[in-house]
Amino acid sequence: MRKIAEIRFLTGILRESVRPFPVASLRTVLRARERVDRRRVPASEAADLDAV
């Protein structure tokens, strides 16, 4: 089991070093998306504001 963990760890390091650019983790992407969604006004509310 320990050997498998070591291989996965080393594979991860190798993969990171070969990437041409850093990739954001899924968690980071989802957090950013949540912030954007909170700032947006739903279409129904926007229509109500336009009617005023």
PDB file of N, CA and C in Angstrom:
ATOM      1  N   MET A   1       0.825  -1.195   0.000  1.00  0.00           N
ATOM      2  CA  MET A   1       0.000   0.000   0.000  1.00  0.00           C
ATOM      3  C   MET A   1       0.873   1.264   0.000  1.00  0.00           C
ATOM      4  N   ARG A   2       1.954   1.205   0.747  1.00  0.00           N
ATOM      5  CA  ARG A   2       2.840   2.364   0.817  1.00  0.00           C
ATOM      6  C   ARG A   2       3.488   2.638  -0.535  1.00  0.00           C
ATOM      7  N   LYS A   3       3.853   1.573  -1.247  1.00  0.00           N
ATOM      8  CA  LYS A   3       4.478   1.732  -2.568  1.00  0.00           C
ATOM      9  C   LYS A   3       3.508   2.414  -3.533  1.00  0.00           C
ATOM     10  N   ILE A   4       2.242   2.031  -3.470  1.00  0.00           N
ATOM     11  CA  ILE A   4       1.233   2.627  -4.347  1.00  0.00           C
ATOM     12  C   ILE A   4       1.114   4.121  -4.052  1.00  0.00           C
ATOM     13  N   ALA A   5       1.112   4.473  -2.770  1.00  0.00           N
ATOM     14  CA  ALA A   5       1.024   5.883  -2.383  1.00  0.00           C
ATOM     15  C   ALA A   5       2.237   6.658  -2.890  1.00  0.00           C
ATOM     16  N   GLU A   6       3.417   6.068  -2.781  1.00  0.00           N
ATOM     17  CA  GLU A   6       4.636   6.727  -3.254  1.00  0.00           C
ATOM     18  C   GLU A   6       4.581   6.938  -4.760  1.00  0.00           C
ATOM     19  N   ILE A   7       4.129   5.927  -5.484  1.00  0.00           N
ATOM     20  CA  ILE A   7       4.041   6.027  -6.948  1.00  0.00           C
ATOM     21  C   ILE A   7       3.056   7.124  -7.339  1.00  0.00           C
ATOM     22  N   ARG A   8       1.916   7.174  -6.665  1.00  0.00           N
ATOM     23  CA  ARG A   8       0.923   8.221  -6.975  1.00  0.00           C
ATOM     24  C   ARG A   8       1.484   9.607  -6.679  1.00  0.00           C
ATOM     25  N   PHE A   9       2.196   9.728  -5.574  1.00  0.00           N
ATOM     26  CA  PHE A   9       2.790  11.006  -5.198  1.00  0.00           C
ATOM     27  C   PHE A   9       3.801  11.453  -6.252  1.00  0.00           C
ATOM     28  N   LEU A  10       4.693  10.547  -6.631  1.00  0.00           N
ATOM     29  CA  LEU A  10       5.711  10.883  -7.625  1.00  0.00           C
ATOM     30  C   LEU A  10       5.092  11.173  -8.988  1.00  0.00           C
ATOM     31  N   THR A  11       4.042  10.445  -9.338  1.00  0.00           N
ATOM     32  CA  THR A  11       3.349  10.693 -10.602  1.00  0.00           C
ATOM     33  C   THR A  11       2.739  12.090 -10.595  1.00  0.00           C
ATOM     34  N   GLY A  12       2.174  12.490  -9.465  1.00  0.00           N
ATOM     35  CA  GLY A  12       1.597  13.830  -9.345  1.00  0.00           C
ATOM     36  C   GLY A  12       2.645  14.914  -9.514  1.00  0.00           C
ATOM     37  N   ILE A  13       3.810  14.716  -8.907  1.00  0.00           N
ATOM     38  CA  ILE A  13       4.903  15.687  -9.039  1.00  0.00           C
ATOM     39  C   ILE A  13       5.350  15.771 -10.492  1.00  0.00           C
ATOM     40  N   LEU A  14       5.506  14.629 -11.127  1.00  0.00           N
ATOM     41  CA  LEU A  14       5.928  14.599 -12.526  1.00  0.00           C
ATOM     42  C   LEU A  14       4.902  15.304 -13.406  1.00  0.00           C
ATOM     43  N   ARG A  15       3.646  15.027 -13.177  1.00  0.00           N
ATOM     44  CA  ARG A  15       2.576  15.636 -13.971  1.00  0.00           C
ATOM     45  C   ARG A  15       2.600  17.157 -13.819  1.00  0.00           C
ATOM     46  N   GLU A  16       2.797  17.636 -12.581  1.00  0.00           N
ATOM     47  CA  GLU A  16       2.844  19.085 -12.335  1.00  0.00           C
ATOM     48  C   GLU A  16       4.023  19.729 -13.061  1.00  0.00           C
ATOM     49  N   SER A  17       5.155  19.046 -13.083  1.00  0.00           N
ATOM     50  CA  SER A  17       6.344  19.634 -13.697  1.00  0.00           C
ATOM     51  C   SER A  17       6.253  19.671 -15.215  1.00  0.00           C
ATOM     52  N   VAL A  18       5.434  18.820 -15.801  1.00  0.00           N
ATOM     53  CA  VAL A  18       5.328  18.742 -17.261  1.00  0.00           C
ATOM     54  C   VAL A  18       4.276  19.708 -17.805  1.00  0.00           C
ATOM     55  N   ARG A  19       3.334  20.121 -16.972  1.00  0.00           N
ATOM     56  CA  ARG A  19       2.263  21.017 -17.434  1.00  0.00           C
ATOM     57  C   ARG A  19       2.840  22.327 -17.952  1.00  0.00           C
ATOM     58  N   PRO A  20       2.371  22.777 -19.107  1.00  0.00           N
ATOM     59  CA  PRO A  20       2.881  24.035 -19.663  1.00  0.00           C
ATOM     60  C   PRO A  20       2.403  25.266 -18.888  1.00  0.00           C
ATOM     61  N   PHE A  21       1.298  25.157 -18.189  1.00  0.00           N
ATOM     62  CA  PHE A  21       0.773  26.268 -17.399  1.00  0.00           C
ATOM     63  C   PHE A  21       0.044  25.696 -16.194  1.00  0.00           C
ATOM     64  N   PRO A  22      -0.015  26.438 -15.114  1.00  0.00           N
ATOM     65  CA  PRO A  22      -0.700  25.928 -13.924  1.00  0.00           C
ATOM     66  C   PRO A  22      -2.207  25.819 -14.158  1.00  0.00           C
ATOM     67  N   VAL A  23      -2.800  24.781 -13.638  1.00  0.00           N
ATOM     68  CA  VAL A  23      -4.233  24.563 -13.778  1.00  0.00           C
ATOM     69  C   VAL A  23      -4.874  24.733 -12.407  1.00  0.00           C
ATOM     70  N   ALA A  24      -5.934  25.519 -12.351  1.00  0.00           N
ATOM     71  CA  ALA A  24      -6.632  25.733 -11.085  1.00  0.00           C
ATOM     72  C   ALA A  24      -7.330  24.447 -10.671  1.00  0.00           C
ATOM     73  N   SER A  25      -7.369  24.210  -9.376  1.00  0.00           N
ATOM     74  CA  SER A  25      -8.054  23.024  -8.886  1.00  0.00           C
ATOM     75  C   SER A  25      -9.559  23.194  -9.062  1.00  0.00           C
ATOM     76  N   LEU A  26     -10.263  22.093  -9.072  1.00  0.00           N
ATOM     77  CA  LEU A  26     -11.715  22.123  -9.239  1.00  0.00           C
ATOM     78  C   LEU A  26     -12.360  22.952  -8.132  1.00  0.00           C
ATOM     79  N   ARG A  27     -11.858  22.817  -6.920  1.00  0.00           N
ATOM     80  CA  ARG A  27     -12.409  23.567  -5.786  1.00  0.00           C
ATOM     81  C   ARG A  27     -12.297  25.077  -6.037  1.00  0.00           C
ATOM     82  N   THR A  28     -11.146  25.524  -6.541  1.00  0.00           N
ATOM     83  CA  THR A  28     -10.942  26.943  -6.821  1.00  0.00           C
ATOM     84  C   THR A  28     -11.907  27.434  -7.887  1.00  0.00           C
ATOM     85  N   VAL A  29     -12.082  26.642  -8.931  1.00  0.00           N
ATOM     86  CA  VAL A  29     -12.995  27.012 -10.016  1.00  0.00           C
ATOM     87  C   VAL A  29     -14.421  27.120  -9.498  1.00  0.00           C
ATOM     88  N   LEU A  30     -14.842  26.165  -8.684  1.00  0.00           N
ATOM     89  CA  LEU A  30     -16.206  26.181  -8.162  1.00  0.00           C
ATOM     90  C   LEU A  30     -16.440  27.373  -7.229  1.00  0.00           C
ATOM     91  N   ARG A  31     -15.442  27.719  -6.415  1.00  0.00           N
ATOM     92  CA  ARG A  31     -15.579  28.883  -5.527  1.00  0.00           C
ATOM     93  C   ARG A  31     -15.734  30.163  -6.337  1.00  0.00           C
ATOM     94  N   ALA A  32     -14.917  30.318  -7.366  1.00  0.00           N
ATOM     95  CA  ALA A  32     -14.993  31.514  -8.208  1.00  0.00           C
ATOM     96  C   ALA A  32     -16.343  31.596  -8.898  1.00  0.00           C
ATOM     97  N   ARG A  33     -16.834  30.463  -9.341  1.00  0.00           N
ATOM     98  CA  ARG A  33     -18.127  30.431 -10.021  1.00  0.00           C
ATOM     99  C   ARG A  33     -19.259  30.816  -9.065  1.00  0.00           C
ATOM    100  N   GLU A  34     -19.158  30.363  -7.815  1.00  0.00           N
ATOM    101  CA  GLU A  34     -20.163  30.724  -6.805  1.00  0.00           C
ATOM    102  C   GLU A  34     -20.210  32.229  -6.601  1.00  0.00           C
ATOM    103  N   ARG A  35     -19.036  32.858  -6.534  1.00  0.00           N
ATOM    104  CA  ARG A  35     -18.981  34.309  -6.334  1.00  0.00           C
ATOM    105  C   ARG A  35     -19.637  35.044  -7.493  1.00  0.00           C
ATOM    106  N   VAL A  36     -19.361  34.605  -8.709  1.00  0.00           N
ATOM    107  CA  VAL A  36     -19.942  35.243  -9.892  1.00  0.00           C
ATOM    108  C   VAL A  36     -21.448  35.063  -9.891  1.00  0.00           C
ATOM    109  N   ASP A  37     -21.918  33.872  -9.560  1.00  0.00           N
ATOM    110  CA  ASP A  37     -23.358  33.602  -9.540  1.00  0.00           C
ATOM    111  C   ASP A  37     -24.067  34.467  -8.500  1.00  0.00           C
ATOM    112  N   ARG A  38     -23.409  34.732  -7.372  1.00  0.00           N
ATOM    113  CA  ARG A  38     -24.024  35.557  -6.332  1.00  0.00           C
ATOM    114  C   ARG A  38     -24.163  37.004  -6.780  1.00  0.00           C
ATOM    115  N   ARG A  39     -23.246  37.467  -7.626  1.00  0.00           N
ATOM    116  CA  ARG A  39     -23.283  38.857  -8.087  1.00  0.00           C
ATOM    117  C   ARG A  39     -24.331  39.076  -9.166  1.00  0.00           C
ATOM    118  N   ARG A  40     -24.646  38.052  -9.907  1.00  0.00           N
ATOM    119  CA  ARG A  40     -25.606  38.190 -11.005  1.00  0.00           C
ATOM    120  C   ARG A  40     -27.015  38.401 -10.477  1.00  0.00           C
ATOM    121  N   VAL A  41     -27.778  39.160 -11.231  1.00  0.00           N
ATOM    122  CA  VAL A  41     -29.189  39.366 -10.894  1.00  0.00           C
ATOM    123  C   VAL A  41     -29.992  38.432 -11.784  1.00  0.00           C
ATOM    124  N   PRO A  42     -30.868  37.619 -11.206  1.00  0.00           N
ATOM    125  CA  PRO A  42     -31.690  36.729 -12.034  1.00  0.00           C
ATOM    126  C   PRO A  42     -32.522  37.527 -13.041  1.00  0.00           C
ATOM    127  N   ALA A  43     -32.802  36.941 -14.198  1.00  0.00           N
ATOM    128  CA  ALA A  43     -33.507  37.618 -15.287  1.00  0.00           C
ATOM    129  C   ALA A  43     -34.871  38.146 -14.839  1.00  0.00           C
ATOM    130  N   SER A  44     -35.576  37.392 -14.012  1.00  0.00           N
ATOM    131  CA  SER A  44     -36.900  37.834 -13.561  1.00  0.00           C
ATOM    132  C   SER A  44     -36.797  39.107 -12.723  1.00  0.00           C
ATOM    133  N   GLU A  45     -35.777  39.201 -11.878  1.00  0.00           N
ATOM    134  CA  GLU A  45     -35.590  40.406 -11.066  1.00  0.00           C
ATOM    135  C   GLU A  45     -35.157  41.579 -11.936  1.00  0.00           C
ATOM    136  N   ALA A  46     -34.326  41.318 -12.938  1.00  0.00           N
ATOM    137  CA  ALA A  46     -33.878  42.372 -13.844  1.00  0.00           C
ATOM    138  C   ALA A  46     -35.068  42.931 -14.616  1.00  0.00           C
ATOM    139  N   ALA A  47     -35.993  42.081 -15.039  1.00  0.00           N
ATOM    140  CA  ALA A  47     -37.186  42.524 -15.760  1.00  0.00           C
ATOM    141  C   ALA A  47     -38.047  43.400 -14.856  1.00  0.00           C
ATOM    142  N   ASP A  48     -38.156  43.040 -13.585  1.00  0.00           N
ATOM    143  CA  ASP A  48     -38.925  43.850 -12.637  1.00  0.00           C
ATOM    144  C   ASP A  48     -38.302  45.234 -12.471  1.00  0.00           C
ATOM    145  N   LEU A  49     -36.971  45.284 -12.446  1.00  0.00           N
ATOM    146  CA  LEU A  49     -36.287  46.567 -12.296  1.00  0.00           C
ATOM    147  C   LEU A  49     -36.483  47.437 -13.534  1.00  0.00           C
ATOM    148  N   ASP A  50     -36.490  46.814 -14.724  1.00  0.00           N
ATOM    149  CA  ASP A  50     -36.680  47.558 -15.967  1.00  0.00           C
ATOM    150  C   ASP A  50     -38.086  48.147 -16.053  1.00  0.00           C
ATOM    151  N   ALA A  51     -39.053  47.472 -15.480  1.00  0.00           N
ATOM    152  CA  ALA A  51     -40.446  47.918 -15.555  1.00  0.00           C
ATOM    153  C   ALA A  51     -40.683  49.169 -14.715  1.00  0.00           C
ATOM    154  N   VAL A  52     -39.835  49.408 -13.738  1.00  0.00           N
ATOM    155  CA  VAL A  52     -40.032  50.549 -12.817  1.00  0.00           C
ATOM    156  C   VAL A  52     -39.669  51.844 -13.443  1.00  0.00           C
TER     157      VAL A  52
END
